[in-house]
C-alpha atoms as a PDB file:
ATOM      1  CA  MET A   1     108.689  78.039  97.503  1.00  0.00           C
ATOM      2  CA  ARG A   2     106.510  81.149  97.734  1.00  0.00           C
ATOM      3  CA  LYS A   3     103.309  79.090  97.812  1.00  0.00           C
ATOM      4  CA  PHE A   4     104.766  76.919 100.591  1.00  0.00           C
ATOM      5  CA  VAL A   5     105.638  80.022 102.719  1.00  0.00           C
ATOM      6  CA  LEU A   6     102.147  81.430 102.193  1.00  0.00           C
ATOM      7  CA  PHE A   7     100.529  78.111 103.117  1.00  0.00           C
ATOM      8  CA  PHE A   8     102.720  77.691 106.210  1.00  0.00           C
ATOM      9  CA  GLY A   9     101.898  81.248 107.326  1.00  0.00           C
ATOM     10  CA  MET A  10      98.157  80.525 106.867  1.00  0.00           C
ATOM     11  CA  LEU A  11      98.483  77.315 108.879  1.00  0.00           C
ATOM     12  CA  LEU A  12     100.366  79.008 111.713  1.00  0.00           C
ATOM     13  CA  CYS A  13      97.754  81.796 111.951  1.00  0.00           C
ATOM     14  CA  SER A  14      94.985  79.181 112.025  1.00  0.00           C
ATOM     15  CA  VAL A  15      96.563  77.185 114.851  1.00  0.00           C
ATOM     16  CA  MET A  16      97.257  80.285 116.960  1.00  0.00           C
ATOM     17  CA  GLY A  17      93.778  81.670 116.376  1.00  0.00           C
ATOM     18  CA  GLY A  18      92.150  78.342 117.275  1.00  0.00           C
ATOM     19  CA  GLY A  19      94.121  78.182 120.489  1.00  0.00           C
ATOM     20  CA  VAL A  20      92.981  81.641 121.533  1.00  0.00           C
ATOM     21  CA  ILE A  21      89.331  80.840 120.754  1.00  0.00           C
ATOM     22  CA  ALA A  22      89.452  77.541 122.642  1.00  0.00           C
ATOM     23  CA  ALA A  23      91.036  79.137 125.708  1.00  0.00           C
ATOM     24  CA  SER A  24      88.361  81.895 125.740  1.00  0.00           C
ATOM     25  CA  VAL A  25      85.617  79.276 126.137  1.00  0.00           C
ATOM     26  CA  GLY A  26      87.446  77.125 128.730  1.00  0.00           C
ATOM     27  CA  LEU A  27      88.855  74.414 126.441  1.00  0.00           C
ATOM     28  CA  PRO A  28      92.529  73.428 126.182  1.00  0.00           C
ATOM     29  CA  ALA A  29      94.297  75.679 123.675  1.00  0.00           C
ATOM     30  CA  VAL A  30      95.907  72.686 121.987  1.00  0.00           C
ATOM     31  CA  ILE A  31      92.458  71.311 120.999  1.00  0.00           C
ATOM     32  CA  GLY A  32      91.435  74.574 119.371  1.00  0.00           C
ATOM     33  CA  GLY A  33      94.745  74.785 117.524  1.00  0.00           C
ATOM     34  CA  ALA A  34      94.399  71.215 116.265  1.00  0.00           C
ATOM     35  CA  VAL A  35      90.846  71.783 114.993  1.00  0.00           C
ATOM     36  CA  THR A  36      91.552  74.995 113.110  1.00  0.00           C
ATOM     37  CA  GLY A  37      94.851  73.711 111.834  1.00  0.00           C
ATOM     38  CA  GLY A  38      93.202  70.584 110.511  1.00  0.00           C
ATOM     39  CA  ALA A  39      90.496  72.737 108.832  1.00  0.00           C
ATOM     40  CA  SER A  40      93.211  74.810 107.145  1.00  0.00           C
ATOM     41  CA  LEU A  41      94.935  71.691 105.866  1.00  0.00           C
ATOM     42  CA  LEU A  42      91.674  70.416 104.398  1.00  0.00           C
ATOM     43  CA  SER A  43      90.491  73.837 103.059  1.00  0.00           C
ATOM     44  CA  PRO A  44      92.053  73.420  99.612  1.00  0.00           C
ATOM     45  CA  LEU A  45      89.979  70.278  99.199  1.00  0.00           C
ATOM     46  CA  PHE A  46      86.724  72.005 100.046  1.00  0.00           C
ATOM     47  CA  GLY A  47      87.432  75.439  98.564  1.00  0.00           C
ATOM     48  CA  ILE A  48      87.657  77.128 101.987  1.00  0.00           C
ATOM     49  CA  ASP A  49      90.288  79.675 101.019  1.00  0.00           C
ATOM     50  CA  GLY A  50      89.011  82.997 102.441  1.00  0.00           C
ATOM     51  CA  LEU A  51      91.875  83.288 104.943  1.00  0.00           C
ATOM     52  CA  ARG A  52      94.407  82.330 102.302  1.00  0.00           C
ATOM     53  CA  ALA A  53      93.115  84.977  99.932  1.00  0.00           C
ATOM     54  CA  GLY A  54      93.190  87.619 102.660  1.00  0.00           C
ATOM     55  CA  VAL A  55      96.799  86.958 103.547  1.00  0.00           C
ATOM     56  CA  TYR A  56      97.679  86.764  99.857  1.00  0.00           C
ATOM     57  CA  THR A  57      96.163  90.194  99.158  1.00  0.00           C
ATOM     58  CA  GLU A  58      97.947  91.821 102.112  1.00  0.00           C
ATOM     59  CA  ILE A  59     101.296  90.409 100.957  1.00  0.00           C
ATOM     60  CA  TRP A  60     100.907  91.759  97.425  1.00  0.00           C
ATOM     61  CA  THR A  61      99.613  95.139  98.630  1.00  0.00           C
ATOM     62  CA  GLY A  62     102.771  95.355 100.750  1.00  0.00           C
ATOM     63  CA  GLU A  63     104.924  94.530  97.740  1.00  0.00           C
ATOM     64  CA  MET A  64     103.119  97.199  95.728  1.00  0.00           C
ATOM     65  CA  ILE A  65     103.708  99.873  98.366  1.00  0.00           C
ATOM     66  CA  LYS A  66     107.349  98.896  98.632  1.00  0.00           C
ATOM     67  CA  ALA A  67     107.772  99.225  94.838  1.00  0.00           C
ATOM     68  CA  PHE A  68     106.083 102.626  94.735  1.00  0.00           C
ATOM     69  CA  ARG A  69     108.322 104.011  97.464  1.00  0.00           C
ATOM     70  CA  THR A  70     111.611 102.694  96.060  1.00  0.00           C
ATOM     71  CA  SER A  71     111.069 103.290  92.378  1.00  0.00           C
ATOM     72  CA  VAL A  72     111.056 107.104  92.913  1.00  0.00           C
ATOM     73  CA  GLU A  73     114.792 106.815  93.466  1.00  0.00           C
ATOM     74  CA  SER A  74     115.294 106.224  89.781  1.00  0.00           C
ATOM     75  CA  ILE A  75     113.637 109.569  88.901  1.00  0.00           C
ATOM     76  CA  GLY A  76     116.344 112.003  89.998  1.00  0.00           C
ATOM     77  CA  TRP A  77     114.442 115.261  89.641  1.00  0.00           C
ATOM     78  CA  LEU A  78     111.448 113.906  91.599  1.00  0.00           C
ATOM     79  CA  ASN A  79     113.693 112.569  94.276  1.00  0.00           C
ATOM     80  CA  ARG A  80     114.997 116.088  94.910  1.00  0.00           C
ATOM     81  CA  ILE A  81     111.536 117.211  96.055  1.00  0.00           C
ATOM     82  CA  ARG A  82     110.612 117.010  99.692  1.00  0.00           C
ATOM     83  CA  SER A  83     108.022 114.367 100.715  1.00  0.00           C
ATOM     84  CA  TYR A  84     105.025 115.392 102.808  1.00  0.00           C
ATOM     85  CA  ASP A  85     103.699 111.842 103.269  1.00  0.00           C
ATOM     86  CA  GLN A  86     103.494 112.177 107.031  1.00  0.00           C
ATOM     87  CA  PHE A  87     101.066 115.097 106.788  1.00  0.00           C
ATOM     88  CA  ALA A  88      98.513 113.341 104.560  1.00  0.00           C
ATOM     89  CA  ASN A  89      95.300 112.298 106.289  1.00  0.00           C
ATOM     90  CA  ASN A  90      92.791 110.133 104.394  1.00  0.00           C
ATOM     91  CA  ASP A  91      94.675 110.981 101.184  1.00  0.00           C
ATOM     92  CA  VAL A  92      94.132 114.710 101.739  1.00  0.00           C
ATOM     93  CA  LEU A  93      96.904 117.175 102.564  1.00  0.00           C
ATOM     94  CA  HIS A  94      96.261 120.331 104.581  1.00  0.00           C
ATOM     95  CA  PHE A  95      98.442 123.421 104.243  1.00  0.00           C
ATOM     96  CA  VAL A  96      98.293 126.868 105.752  1.00  0.00           C
ATOM     97  CA  ASP A  97      97.905 129.324 102.908  1.00  0.00           C
ATOM     98  CA  ILE A  98     100.104 132.239 104.048  1.00  0.00           C
ATOM     99  CA  GLY A  99      98.312 135.534 103.341  1.00  0.00           C
ATOM    100  CA  GLY A 100     101.413 137.717 102.838  1.00  0.00           C
ATOM    101  CA  ASP A 101     104.127 139.648 104.606  1.00  0.00           C
ATOM    102  CA  PRO A 102     103.711 142.808 106.714  1.00  0.00           C
ATOM    103  CA  ASP A 103     104.676 146.199 105.220  1.00  0.00           C
ATOM    104  CA  VAL A 104     107.828 147.797 106.650  1.00  0.00           C
ATOM    105  CA  LEU A 105     107.899 151.471 107.671  1.00  0.00           C
ATOM    106  CA  ILE A 106     111.145 153.420 107.438  1.00  0.00           C
ATOM    107  CA  ASN A 107     111.700 156.510 109.547  1.00  0.00           C
ATOM    108  CA  ASN A 108     108.040 156.639 110.435  1.00  0.00           C
ATOM    109  CA  THR A 109     106.692 159.798 112.121  1.00  0.00           C
ATOM    110  CA  THR A 110     102.995 159.031 112.079  1.00  0.00           C
ATOM    111  CA  TYR A 111     101.354 157.438 115.114  1.00  0.00           C
ATOM    112  CA  PRO A 112      99.575 155.323 115.962  1.00  0.00           C
ATOM    113  CA  ILE A 113     101.156 152.892 113.534  1.00  0.00           C
ATOM    114  CA  PRO A 114      98.527 151.620 111.079  1.00  0.00           C
ATOM    115  CA  VAL A 115      97.053 148.134 111.502  1.00  0.00           C
ATOM    116  CA  GLN A 116      97.601 145.650 108.711  1.00  0.00           C
ATOM    117  CA  ILE A 117      95.549 142.462 108.773  1.00  0.00           C
ATOM    118  CA  ILE A 118      97.215 139.393 107.251  1.00  0.00           C
ATOM    119  CA  ALA A 119      94.748 136.521 106.883  1.00  0.00           C
ATOM    120  CA  ASP A 120      96.022 132.932 106.674  1.00  0.00           C
ATOM    121  CA  ALA A 121      93.738 130.099 105.642  1.00  0.00           C
ATOM    122  CA  ASP A 122      93.576 126.357 105.530  1.00  0.00           C
ATOM    123  CA  LYS A 123      94.295 124.873 102.070  1.00  0.00           C
ATOM    124  CA  ALA A 124      93.216 121.311 101.484  1.00  0.00           C
ATOM    125  CA  ILE A 125      94.770 119.396  98.621  1.00  0.00           C
ATOM    126  CA  GLY A 126      93.270 116.095  97.570  1.00  0.00           C
ATOM    127  CA  LEU A 127      95.740 113.557  96.166  1.00  0.00           C
ATOM    128  CA  ASP A 128      95.300 112.313  92.611  1.00  0.00           C
ATOM    129  CA  LYS A 129      93.776 108.860  92.405  1.00  0.00           C
ATOM    130  CA  TYR A 130      95.418 106.381  90.046  1.00  0.00           C
ATOM    131  CA  GLN A 131      93.593 103.153  89.233  1.00  0.00           C
ATOM    132  CA  THR A 132      94.488 100.327  86.894  1.00  0.00           C
ATOM    133  CA  LYS A 133      91.876  98.409  84.926  1.00  0.00           C
ATOM    134  CA  GLN A 134      91.071  94.895  86.070  1.00  0.00           C
ATOM    135  CA  THR A 135      93.360  92.123  84.850  1.00  0.00           C
ATOM    136  CA  PRO A 136      92.135  88.496  84.686  1.00  0.00           C
ATOM    137  CA  ILE A 137      94.412  85.724  85.918  1.00  0.00           C
ATOM    138  CA  THR A 138      93.075  82.208  85.468  1.00  0.00           C
ATOM    139  CA  ASP A 139      93.602  79.446  88.013  1.00  0.00           C
ATOM    140  CA  ASP A 140      95.647  77.608  85.391  1.00  0.00           C
ATOM    141  CA  GLU A 141      97.973  80.594  85.062  1.00  0.00           C
ATOM    142  CA  LEU A 142      98.234  81.135  88.818  1.00  0.00           C
ATOM    143  CA  TYR A 143      99.052  77.567  89.779  1.00  0.00           C
ATOM    144  CA  ALA A 144     100.294  75.693  86.719  1.00  0.00           C
ATOM    145  CA  MET A 145     102.596  78.085  84.806  1.00  0.00           C
ATOM    146  CA  SER A 146     106.354  77.799  85.062  1.00  0.00           C
ATOM    147  CA  TYR A 147     106.802  81.446  86.201  1.00  0.00           C
ATOM    148  CA  ASP A 148     105.207  83.600  88.845  1.00  0.00           C
ATOM    149  CA  LYS A 149     102.288  85.060  86.926  1.00  0.00           C
ATOM    150  CA  MET A 150     101.023  87.150  89.857  1.00  0.00           C
ATOM    151  CA  SER A 151     104.415  88.715  90.479  1.00  0.00           C
ATOM    152  CA  SER A 152     104.731  89.597  86.802  1.00  0.00           C
ATOM    153  CA  MET A 153     101.272  91.141  86.786  1.00  0.00           C
ATOM    154  CA  ILE A 154     101.893  93.187  89.903  1.00  0.00           C
ATOM    155  CA  GLU A 155     105.084  94.602  88.334  1.00  0.00           C
ATOM    156  CA  ARG A 156     103.141  95.648  85.207  1.00  0.00           C
ATOM    157  CA  HIS A 157     100.408  97.380  87.289  1.00  0.00           C
ATOM    158  CA  ARG A 158     103.084  99.149  89.268  1.00  0.00           C
ATOM    159  CA  ASP A 159     105.004 100.337  86.181  1.00  0.00           C
ATOM    160  CA  SER A 160     101.827 101.552  84.493  1.00  0.00           C
ATOM    161  CA  ILE A 161     100.818 103.701  87.501  1.00  0.00           C
ATOM    162  CA  ASN A 162     104.378 104.984  87.965  1.00  0.00           C
ATOM    163  CA  GLU A 163     104.607 106.075  84.365  1.00  0.00           C
ATOM    164  CA  LYS A 164     101.379 108.071  84.615  1.00  0.00           C
ATOM    165  CA  LYS A 165     102.119 109.718  87.933  1.00  0.00           C
ATOM    166  CA  TYR A 166     105.642 110.814  86.927  1.00  0.00           C
ATOM    167  CA  VAL A 167     104.342 112.398  83.722  1.00  0.00           C
ATOM    168  CA  LYS A 168     101.622 114.246  85.629  1.00  0.00           C
ATOM    169  CA  ALA A 169     104.059 115.334  88.287  1.00  0.00           C
ATOM    170  CA  LEU A 170     106.397 117.117  85.875  1.00  0.00           C
ATOM    171  CA  HIS A 171     103.392 118.606  84.059  1.00  0.00           C
ATOM    172  CA  ALA A 172     102.230 120.068  87.391  1.00  0.00           C
ATOM    173  CA  LEU A 173     105.665 121.545  88.086  1.00  0.00           C
ATOM    174  CA  ALA A 174     105.692 123.402  84.749  1.00  0.00           C
ATOM    175  CA  PRO A 175     104.199 126.916  84.684  1.00  0.00           C
ATOM    176  CA  ALA A 176     100.834 127.418  82.995  1.00  0.00           C
ATOM    177  CA  GLY A 177     102.247 130.367  81.077  1.00  0.00           C
ATOM    178  CA  ASN A 178     104.722 133.220  81.036  1.00  0.00           C
ATOM    179  CA  THR A 179     104.223 135.620  83.978  1.00  0.00           C
ATOM    180  CA  ASP A 180     106.376 137.880  86.122  1.00  0.00           C
ATOM    181  CA  LYS A 181     106.926 134.987  88.596  1.00  0.00           C
ATOM    182  CA  THR A 182     106.982 132.059  86.149  1.00  0.00           C
ATOM    183  CA  PRO A 183     109.274 132.815  83.227  1.00  0.00           C
ATOM    184  CA  VAL A 184     108.743 130.869  79.956  1.00  0.00           C
ATOM    185  CA  ILE A 185     111.606 131.282  77.461  1.00  0.00           C
ATOM    186  CA  LEU A 186     111.605 130.435  73.760  1.00  0.00           C
ATOM    187  CA  THR A 187     114.638 128.838  72.199  1.00  0.00           C
ATOM    188  CA  THR A 188     116.702 131.108  69.935  1.00  0.00           C
ATOM    189  CA  GLY A 189     119.173 128.791  68.093  1.00  0.00           C
ATOM    190  CA  ALA A 190     119.304 127.796  64.487  1.00  0.00           C
ATOM    191  CA  ASN A 191     116.850 125.216  63.105  1.00  0.00           C
ATOM    192  CA  SER A 192     117.298 121.833  64.727  1.00  0.00           C
ATOM    193  CA  ALA A 193     118.806 118.951  62.747  1.00  0.00           C
ATOM    194  CA  ASP A 194     115.346 117.486  62.171  1.00  0.00           C
ATOM    195  CA  GLY A 195     113.914 120.866  61.154  1.00  0.00           C
ATOM    196  CA  THR A 196     111.078 120.828  63.696  1.00  0.00           C
ATOM    197  CA  HIS A 197     112.170 123.687  65.955  1.00  0.00           C
ATOM    198  CA  LYS A 198     114.808 126.224  66.829  1.00  0.00           C
ATOM    199  CA  ALA A 199     117.536 124.542  68.838  1.00  0.00           C
ATOM    200  CA  ILE A 200     118.200 125.389  72.468  1.00  0.00           C
ATOM    201  CA  THR A 201     121.492 127.150  73.243  1.00  0.00           C
ATOM    202  CA  ARG A 202     123.428 127.956  76.381  1.00  0.00           C
ATOM    203  CA  LYS A 203     122.142 131.544  76.025  1.00  0.00           C
ATOM    204  CA  ASP A 204     118.593 130.277  76.469  1.00  0.00           C
ATOM    205  CA  ILE A 205     119.564 128.526  79.696  1.00  0.00           C
ATOM    206  CA  ILE A 206     121.332 131.695  80.852  1.00  0.00           C
ATOM    207  CA  ALA A 207     118.145 133.660  80.103  1.00  0.00           C
ATOM    208  CA  LEU A 208     116.152 131.311  82.315  1.00  0.00           C
ATOM    209  CA  LYS A 209     118.827 131.659  85.032  1.00  0.00           C
ATOM    210  CA  LYS A 210     118.495 135.407  84.767  1.00  0.00           C
ATOM    211  CA  GLY A 211     114.738 135.096  85.234  1.00  0.00           C
ATOM    212  CA  PHE A 212     115.224 133.081  88.396  1.00  0.00           C
ATOM    213  CA  ASP A 213     117.882 135.502  89.646  1.00  0.00           C
ATOM    214  CA  LYS A 214     115.489 138.446  89.250  1.00  0.00           C
ATOM    215  CA  LEU A 215     112.936 136.557  91.347  1.00  0.00           C
ATOM    216  CA  ARG A 216     115.637 135.986  93.988  1.00  0.00           C
ATOM    217  CA  VAL A 217     115.269 132.240  93.763  1.00  0.00           C
ATOM    218  CA  PRO A 218     118.114 130.695  95.849  1.00  0.00           C
ATOM    219  CA  THR A 219     120.775 129.058  93.759  1.00  0.00           C
ATOM    220  CA  GLY A 220     120.972 125.824  95.753  1.00  0.00           C
ATOM    221  CA  GLY A 221     118.137 123.545  94.703  1.00  0.00           C
ATOM    222  CA  ARG A 222     117.458 124.840  91.158  1.00  0.00           C
ATOM    223  CA  ILE A 223     116.505 121.917  88.918  1.00  0.00           C
ATOM    224  CA  LEU A 224     116.360 121.810  85.121  1.00  0.00           C
ATOM    225  CA  VAL A 225     114.713 118.806  83.428  1.00  0.00           C
ATOM    226  CA  LEU A 226     115.625 118.726  79.745  1.00  0.00           C
ATOM    227  CA  CYS A 227     113.226 117.267  77.150  1.00  0.00           C
ATOM    228  CA  PRO A 228     114.619 114.913  74.497  1.00  0.00           C
ATOM    229  CA  ASP A 229     114.735 117.592  71.738  1.00  0.00           C
ATOM    230  CA  HIS A 230     116.834 119.902  73.906  1.00  0.00           C
ATOM    231  CA  VAL A 231     119.247 117.125  74.954  1.00  0.00           C
ATOM    232  CA  ALA A 232     119.745 116.262  71.281  1.00  0.00           C
ATOM    233  CA  ASP A 233     120.263 119.960  70.374  1.00  0.00           C
ATOM    234  CA  LEU A 234     122.982 120.366  72.966  1.00  0.00           C
ATOM    235  CA  LEU A 235     124.704 117.091  72.117  1.00  0.00           C
ATOM    236  CA  GLU A 236     124.767 117.979  68.355  1.00  0.00           C
ATOM    237  CA  ASN A 237     125.727 121.650  68.686  1.00  0.00           C
ATOM    238  CA  ASP A 238     127.568 122.108  72.008  1.00  0.00           C
ATOM    239  CA  GLN A 239     130.879 120.265  72.218  1.00  0.00           C
ATOM    240  CA  LYS A 240     131.365 121.163  75.877  1.00  0.00           C
ATOM    241  CA  PHE A 241     127.948 119.816  76.822  1.00  0.00           C
ATOM    242  CA  ALA A 242     128.627 116.615  74.868  1.00  0.00           C
ATOM    243  CA  GLU A 243     131.873 116.101  76.740  1.00  0.00           C
ATOM    244  CA  GLN A 244     130.213 116.644  80.137  1.00  0.00           C
ATOM    245  CA  TYR A 245     126.981 114.849  79.214  1.00  0.00           C
ATOM    246  CA  HIS A 246     127.462 112.271  81.919  1.00  0.00           C
ATOM    247  CA  ASN A 247     129.468 112.584  85.089  1.00  0.00           C
ATOM    248  CA  TYR A 248     131.159 109.230  85.344  1.00  0.00           C
ATOM    249  CA  THR A 249     131.125 109.426  89.119  1.00  0.00           C
ATOM    250  CA  THR A 250     127.408 110.106  89.655  1.00  0.00           C
ATOM    251  CA  GLY A 251     125.995 108.962  86.300  1.00  0.00           C
ATOM    252  CA  LYS A 252     123.971 112.187  85.852  1.00  0.00           C
ATOM    253  CA  ILE A 253     124.303 115.151  83.541  1.00  0.00           C
ATOM    254  CA  SER A 254     126.733 117.818  84.797  1.00  0.00           C
ATOM    255  CA  ASN A 255     125.260 121.033  86.221  1.00  0.00           C
ATOM    256  CA  LEU A 256     124.702 124.080  83.971  1.00  0.00           C
ATOM    257  CA  TYR A 257     124.764 127.630  85.332  1.00  0.00           C
ATOM    258  CA  GLY A 258     123.576 126.668  88.769  1.00  0.00           C
ATOM    259  CA  PHE A 259     120.939 124.215  87.596  1.00  0.00           C
ATOM    260  CA  GLU A 260     121.051 120.538  88.532  1.00  0.00           C
ATOM    261  CA  VAL A 261     120.369 118.990  85.139  1.00  0.00           C
ATOM    262  CA  TYR A 262     118.222 115.881  84.479  1.00  0.00           C
ATOM    263  CA  GLU A 263     116.475 114.550  81.386  1.00  0.00           C
ATOM    264  CA  TYR A 264     113.006 113.086  81.009  1.00  0.00           C
ATOM    265  CA  THR A 265     111.155 111.822  77.938  1.00  0.00           C
ATOM    266  CA  ASP A 266     107.588 112.944  78.728  1.00  0.00           C
ATOM    267  CA  CYS A 267     108.014 116.671  79.329  1.00  0.00           C
ATOM    268  CA  PRO A 268     104.925 118.878  78.853  1.00  0.00           C
ATOM    269  CA  CYS A 269     104.059 120.705  75.594  1.00  0.00           C
ATOM    270  CA  TYR A 270     103.250 124.360  75.026  1.00  0.00           C
ATOM    271  CA  THR A 271     101.494 126.393  72.362  1.00  0.00           C
ATOM    272  CA  VAL A 272     104.438 128.408  71.084  1.00  0.00           C
ATOM    273  CA  SER A 273     102.609 131.595  70.109  1.00  0.00           C
ATOM    274  CA  SER A 274     101.057 132.130  73.558  1.00  0.00           C
ATOM    275  CA  LYS A 275     103.654 130.307  75.671  1.00  0.00           C
ATOM    276  CA  SER A 276     100.748 128.508  77.318  1.00  0.00           C
ATOM    277  CA  LYS A 277     100.950 124.916  78.627  1.00  0.00           C
ATOM    278  CA  LEU A 278      98.665 122.324  77.117  1.00  0.00           C
ATOM    279  CA  ALA A 279      96.244 120.649  79.503  1.00  0.00           C
ATOM    280  CA  PHE A 280      97.373 117.322  80.894  1.00  0.00           C
ATOM    281  CA  GLY A 281      96.557 114.547  78.469  1.00  0.00           C
ATOM    282  CA  SER A 282      95.916 116.879  75.523  1.00  0.00           C
ATOM    283  CA  ALA A 283      97.432 115.889  72.181  1.00  0.00           C
ATOM    284  CA  ALA A 284     100.012 118.338  70.810  1.00  0.00           C
ATOM    285  CA  ASP A 285      99.429 119.925  67.375  1.00  0.00           C
ATOM    286  CA  SER A 286     102.593 119.534  65.311  1.00  0.00           C
ATOM    287  CA  ALA A 287     101.900 122.866  63.597  1.00  0.00           C
ATOM    288  CA  THR A 288     101.636 125.041  66.701  1.00  0.00           C
ATOM    289  CA  ASP A 289     102.850 123.150  69.774  1.00  0.00           C
ATOM    290  CA  ARG A 290     106.296 122.095  70.955  1.00  0.00           C
ATOM    291  CA  GLN A 291     107.792 120.266  73.932  1.00  0.00           C
ATOM    292  CA  ALA A 292     109.522 122.204  76.699  1.00  0.00           C
ATOM    293  CA  SER A 293     112.206 121.717  79.329  1.00  0.00           C
ATOM    294  CA  VAL A 294     111.070 122.454  82.869  1.00  0.00           C
ATOM    295  CA  ALA A 295     112.833 124.252  85.693  1.00  0.00           C
ATOM    296  CA  PHE A 296     111.899 124.578  89.348  1.00  0.00           C
ATOM    297  CA  TYR A 297     113.295 125.340  92.778  1.00  0.00           C
ATOM    298  CA  ALA A 298     113.035 122.048  94.635  1.00  0.00           C
ATOM    299  CA  PRO A 299     112.449 123.363  98.192  1.00  0.00           C
ATOM    300  CA  ARG A 300     109.261 125.152  97.009  1.00  0.00           C
ATOM    301  CA  MET A 301     107.776 121.944  95.518  1.00  0.00           C
ATOM    302  CA  MET A 302     106.070 119.090  97.326  1.00  0.00           C
ATOM    303  CA  LYS A 303     105.104 115.471  96.745  1.00  0.00           C
ATOM    304  CA  VAL A 304     102.865 113.126  98.699  1.00  0.00           C
ATOM    305  CA  THR A 305     102.422 109.400  98.353  1.00  0.00           C
ATOM    306  CA  GLY A 306      99.137 108.224  99.841  1.00  0.00           C
ATOM    307  CA  SER A 307      97.500 104.865 100.278  1.00  0.00           C
ATOM    308  CA  THR A 308      97.733 101.867  97.981  1.00  0.00           C
ATOM    309  CA  LYS A 309      95.133  99.162  97.885  1.00  0.00           C
ATOM    310  CA  MET A 310      94.909  95.919  95.990  1.00  0.00           C
ATOM    311  CA  TYR A 311      91.550  94.681  94.714  1.00  0.00           C
ATOM    312  CA  TYR A 312      91.365  90.933  94.193  1.00  0.00           C
ATOM    313  CA  SER A 313      88.361  88.774  93.391  1.00  0.00           C
ATOM    314  CA  GLU A 314      88.769  84.997  93.498  1.00  0.00           C
ATOM    315  CA  SER A 315      87.934  82.545  90.781  1.00  0.00           C
ATOM    316  CA  LYS A 316      85.162  81.019  92.916  1.00  0.00           C
ATOM    317  CA  THR A 317      83.112  84.137  92.147  1.00  0.00           C
ATOM    318  CA  ASP A 318      83.470  83.413  88.474  1.00  0.00           C
ATOM    319  CA  PRO A 319      83.038  79.636  88.080  1.00  0.00           C
ATOM    320  CA  ALA A 320      82.275  79.884  84.390  1.00  0.00           C
ATOM    321  CA  ASN A 321      85.728  81.258  83.522  1.00  0.00           C
ATOM    322  CA  GLN A 322      87.658  80.104  86.589  1.00  0.00           C
ATOM    323  CA  GLN A 323      89.647  83.301  86.646  1.00  0.00           C
ATOM    324  CA  ASN A 324      90.778  85.774  89.302  1.00  0.00           C
ATOM    325  CA  MET A 325      90.634  89.571  88.799  1.00  0.00           C
ATOM    326  CA  VAL A 326      93.197  92.038  90.132  1.00  0.00           C
ATOM    327  CA  ASN A 327      93.747  95.791  90.004  1.00  0.00           C
ATOM    328  CA  PHE A 328      95.157  98.565  92.170  1.00  0.00           C
ATOM    329  CA  ARG A 329      94.273 102.016  93.456  1.00  0.00           C
ATOM    330  CA  HIS A 330      97.093 104.386  94.399  1.00  0.00           C
ATOM    331  CA  TYR A 331      97.147 108.018  95.635  1.00  0.00           C
ATOM    332  CA  PHE A 332      99.909 110.470  94.760  1.00  0.00           C
ATOM    333  CA  ILE A 333     100.378 114.147  93.982  1.00  0.00           C
ATOM    334  CA  CYS A 334     103.254 116.510  93.210  1.00  0.00           C
ATOM    335  CA  LEU A 335     102.785 120.297  93.040  1.00  0.00           C
ATOM    336  CA  PRO A 336     104.485 123.647  93.647  1.00  0.00           C
ATOM    337  CA  LEU A 337     103.723 124.969  97.107  1.00  0.00           C
ATOM    338  CA  LYS A 338     103.098 128.347  95.485  1.00  0.00           C
ATOM    339  CA  ASN A 339     102.855 129.425  91.898  1.00  0.00           C
ATOM    340  CA  GLU A 340     106.413 130.752  91.798  1.00  0.00           C
ATOM    341  CA  ALA A 341     110.012 129.626  91.320  1.00  0.00           C
ATOM    342  CA  ILE A 342     109.062 127.519  88.290  1.00  0.00           C
ATOM    343  CA  GLY A 343     109.915 128.149  84.641  1.00  0.00           C
ATOM    344  CA  ALA A 344     110.255 126.558  81.233  1.00  0.00           C
ATOM    345  CA  ILE A 345     112.221 126.719  77.949  1.00  0.00           C
ATOM    346  CA  VAL A 346     109.911 126.014  75.011  1.00  0.00           C
ATOM    347  CA  SER A 347     111.126 125.058  71.550  1.00  0.00           C
ATOM    348  CA  ALA A 348     110.315 127.903  69.159  1.00  0.00           C
ATOM    349  CA  LEU A 349     108.922 126.964  65.726  1.00  0.00           C
ATOM    350  CA  ALA A 350     111.577 126.448  63.089  1.00  0.00           C
ATOM    351  CA  ALA A 351     112.299 129.386  60.852  1.00  0.00           C
ATOM    352  CA  SER A 352     110.960 128.891  57.312  1.00  0.00           C
END
């Protein structure tokens, strides 16, 4: 059915295009339409499939973009972050880097009032580029198999890119280390059931809340993304958390101490002794590093989805193997607007 729709669309475009061309040179439009339509009908016999391939690529690029924009809905914590897609130009985002706030004088008696220069600057942020490796699809697979090979392959390319960009997004939202404006808390509970770390407790979440309170982070919009170890700790040791683990109305974890709570498997890791975040893609050392839960104030974070492009080479360019090649390039980024209102709870090393 899909092949029929694509072929009919190609035929319609050919007829209309031929009519326009014929009319422009003084011939009846019907003649031009008949000629180009006939050529389109015969093109499969002679391998004239440039137009068909072009339409085909555009359709699948559209499907890819649609998938990228709707799949974010399933990542609750990312969905809470404001999108700045409309401000991206050529996959680059421009912000005004605010220089600071003016000082305030109280009961001043000195005149003239001093001048304070506050310099703002343009801050350009390039989106991360995600590219999949080329995947071969033979003509036999594309036209003779009992299922839609191309649709299946597009879905796998989409899922692969989504997986990477979500992991990098949460890594970017986690603080690089413990500072006055980015609190990093170590867990303080007893050894976990598997003996790999000290379990997280409600007191640890309260300590992170206190850190946000001191920074005057507004309460509405605070997000806490729990790593798997911390979800397991709370389920095993906190009866109240276990009972409220899922809200049966919304399907999400109930809020804790002002935080909207989510869970995610691929949370970033930290070196426990220094409370410093490992670089993205670095392997954790089981002796010194542990996974962390990440907290942030959603209104101070941003995400941008840029362009998506499908690359498709036809089998006629590879007659020896008679296979098509496909891959995608996609732009996306998620970052804090400023290095503040972010925090983390890192699993402390288990006590010996």
